[in-house]
N, C-alpha and C. Protein backbone atom coordinates (compact mmCIF):
# COMPACT_ATOMS: atom_id res chain seq x y z
N MET A 1 129.40 118.58 179.06
CA MET A 1 129.64 117.90 177.47
C MET A 1 130.35 118.30 176.12
N THR A 2 130.88 117.15 175.58
CA THR A 2 131.79 118.29 174.44
C THR A 2 130.80 118.36 172.75
N SER A 3 131.46 119.23 172.26
CA SER A 3 130.88 119.66 171.30
C SER A 3 131.84 118.70 169.97
N GLN A 4 131.19 117.81 169.01
CA GLN A 4 132.54 117.09 168.64
C GLN A 4 131.92 117.23 167.09
N GLU A 5 132.58 117.14 165.96
CA GLU A 5 132.30 117.42 164.70
C GLU A 5 131.76 116.20 164.26
N PRO A 6 130.87 116.16 163.03
CA PRO A 6 130.13 115.32 162.70
C PRO A 6 131.56 114.60 161.65
N GLU A 7 130.92 112.97 161.25
CA GLU A 7 132.28 112.59 160.55
C GLU A 7 132.22 113.09 159.28
N PRO A 8 133.12 113.21 158.43
CA PRO A 8 133.16 113.71 157.49
C PRO A 8 132.47 112.74 155.74
N ARG A 9 130.89 112.78 155.85
CA ARG A 9 130.80 111.72 154.61
C ARG A 9 131.18 112.11 153.57
N LEU A 10 131.50 111.15 152.31
CA LEU A 10 131.48 111.42 150.84
C LEU A 10 130.60 111.66 149.71
N GLY A 11 129.45 110.51 150.63
CA GLY A 11 128.04 111.01 149.77
C GLY A 11 127.23 109.60 150.22
N ARG A 12 126.30 109.01 149.81
CA ARG A 12 125.11 107.96 150.56
C ARG A 12 125.50 107.36 150.71
N ASP A 13 126.89 106.40 149.89
CA ASP A 13 127.45 104.82 149.06
C ASP A 13 128.45 105.59 150.03
N GLY A 14 128.82 106.68 151.01
CA GLY A 14 129.86 106.95 151.31
C GLY A 14 131.68 106.69 150.44
N VAL A 15 131.49 106.63 149.51
CA VAL A 15 132.62 106.80 148.58
C VAL A 15 132.18 107.40 147.03
N SER A 16 131.26 107.82 147.30
CA SER A 16 130.60 108.58 145.97
C SER A 16 131.61 109.94 145.70
N GLY A 17 132.91 109.80 146.74
CA GLY A 17 133.26 111.25 146.51
C GLY A 17 134.79 110.95 146.15
N ILE A 18 134.98 109.73 146.43
CA ILE A 18 136.35 109.29 145.51
C ILE A 18 136.14 109.11 144.64
N VAL A 19 137.47 110.04 143.83
CA VAL A 19 137.43 109.79 142.94
C VAL A 19 138.68 107.78 141.84
N SER A 20 138.35 107.49 141.23
CA SER A 20 138.81 106.54 141.01
C SER A 20 139.46 106.23 139.58
N VAL A 21 140.01 105.67 139.16
CA VAL A 21 140.15 105.57 137.53
C VAL A 21 139.35 106.03 136.93
N GLY A 22 138.86 104.88 136.57
CA GLY A 22 137.30 104.69 135.72
C GLY A 22 136.61 106.16 135.90
N ARG A 23 136.58 106.58 137.11
CA ARG A 23 135.75 108.27 136.84
C ARG A 23 136.17 109.28 137.00
N ALA A 24 137.21 109.39 136.84
CA ALA A 24 138.96 109.82 135.99
C ALA A 24 138.29 110.04 134.89
N LEU A 25 138.29 109.24 134.23
CA LEU A 25 138.55 108.79 132.60
C LEU A 25 137.06 109.47 131.60
N ARG A 26 135.80 108.08 132.52
CA ARG A 26 134.40 108.93 132.11
C ARG A 26 134.12 110.32 132.23
N ALA A 27 134.88 111.38 133.24
CA ALA A 27 134.72 112.74 133.43
C ALA A 27 135.06 113.92 132.72
N ARG A 28 136.22 112.88 132.23
CA ARG A 28 137.63 113.56 130.59
C ARG A 28 136.87 113.49 129.66
N ASP A 29 136.09 111.79 129.65
CA ASP A 29 135.55 111.95 128.03
C ASP A 29 134.79 113.23 127.61
N VAL A 30 133.44 112.88 129.03
CA VAL A 30 132.21 113.36 128.30
C VAL A 30 132.86 115.21 128.53
N SER A 31 133.88 116.02 129.04
CA SER A 31 133.71 117.23 129.13
C SER A 31 134.99 117.35 128.27
N ARG A 32 134.95 116.06 127.23
CA ARG A 32 135.82 116.93 125.80
C ARG A 32 134.84 117.91 125.14
N PRO A 33 134.95 119.19 124.41
CA PRO A 33 134.29 119.40 122.87
C PRO A 33 134.43 118.74 122.21
N THR A 34 133.38 118.28 121.65
CA THR A 34 133.42 117.91 120.08
C THR A 34 132.81 118.47 118.90
N PRO A 35 133.78 118.15 117.77
CA PRO A 35 133.78 118.55 116.81
C PRO A 35 133.02 120.41 116.70
N GLN A 36 132.01 120.09 116.60
CA GLN A 36 130.87 120.74 116.75
C GLN A 36 130.97 122.02 117.44
N ASP A 37 131.35 121.47 119.04
CA ASP A 37 130.75 122.20 119.94
C ASP A 37 132.09 123.52 119.78
N LEU A 38 132.85 122.71 119.47
CA LEU A 38 134.59 124.00 118.93
C LEU A 38 133.82 124.66 117.46
N ALA A 39 133.56 124.33 116.73
CA ALA A 39 133.21 125.14 115.21
C ALA A 39 132.03 126.47 115.86
N ASP A 40 131.13 125.93 116.58
CA ASP A 40 130.34 126.67 117.74
C ASP A 40 130.53 128.03 117.98
N ALA A 41 131.48 127.20 119.33
CA ALA A 41 132.40 128.61 119.86
C ALA A 41 133.89 129.41 118.70
N ALA A 42 133.75 129.03 117.44
CA ALA A 42 134.46 129.73 116.97
C ALA A 42 133.79 130.86 116.23
N LYS A 43 131.82 130.38 115.83
CA LYS A 43 131.27 131.46 115.46
C LYS A 43 131.45 132.72 116.44
N VAL A 44 130.82 131.85 117.72
CA VAL A 44 130.75 133.22 118.56
C VAL A 44 132.13 134.19 118.98
N ALA A 45 133.23 133.58 119.20
CA ALA A 45 133.97 134.19 119.06
C ALA A 45 134.47 135.18 117.98
N ALA A 46 134.25 134.85 116.56
CA ALA A 46 133.97 135.75 115.39
C ALA A 46 134.02 136.73 115.92
N GLU A 47 132.34 136.36 115.70
CA GLU A 47 131.03 137.80 116.55
C GLU A 47 131.26 138.50 117.41
N VAL A 48 131.98 138.19 118.75
CA VAL A 48 132.33 138.61 119.61
C VAL A 48 132.82 139.89 119.20
N LEU A 49 134.30 139.36 118.82
CA LEU A 49 135.12 140.09 117.53
C LEU A 49 134.94 141.33 116.56
N ARG A 50 133.90 140.67 116.02
CA ARG A 50 133.40 141.72 114.93
C ARG A 50 132.89 142.63 115.52
N ARG A 51 131.78 142.80 116.14
CA ARG A 51 131.77 143.68 117.69
C ARG A 51 132.21 144.79 117.78
N ARG A 52 132.65 143.85 118.84
CA ARG A 52 133.76 144.61 119.20
C ARG A 52 135.07 145.52 118.81
N LYS A 53 135.36 144.99 117.27
CA LYS A 53 135.95 146.26 116.27
C LYS A 53 134.75 147.24 116.12
N LEU A 54 133.67 147.01 115.78
CA LEU A 54 132.37 147.69 115.39
C LEU A 54 132.41 149.31 116.57
N THR A 55 132.67 148.86 118.15
CA THR A 55 132.64 149.50 118.84
C THR A 55 133.14 150.82 118.99
N ARG A 56 135.15 150.28 118.11
CA ARG A 56 135.73 150.79 118.43
C ARG A 56 135.70 151.91 118.15
N LEU A 57 135.15 151.77 116.13
CA LEU A 57 134.94 152.84 115.42
C LEU A 57 134.78 154.69 115.76
């Protein structure tokens, strides 16, 4: 008896691991930060830099 590797599966439907143009565009749109996300990140970054400057004094 020989040991065989199981056939690779992409997902339950057999295609869910394949990236289509539609899936790629959806992922791009969903992952884009909103203006509020950018503003929140800028506030956090400014606070981190402020704390960093205080600890170096």
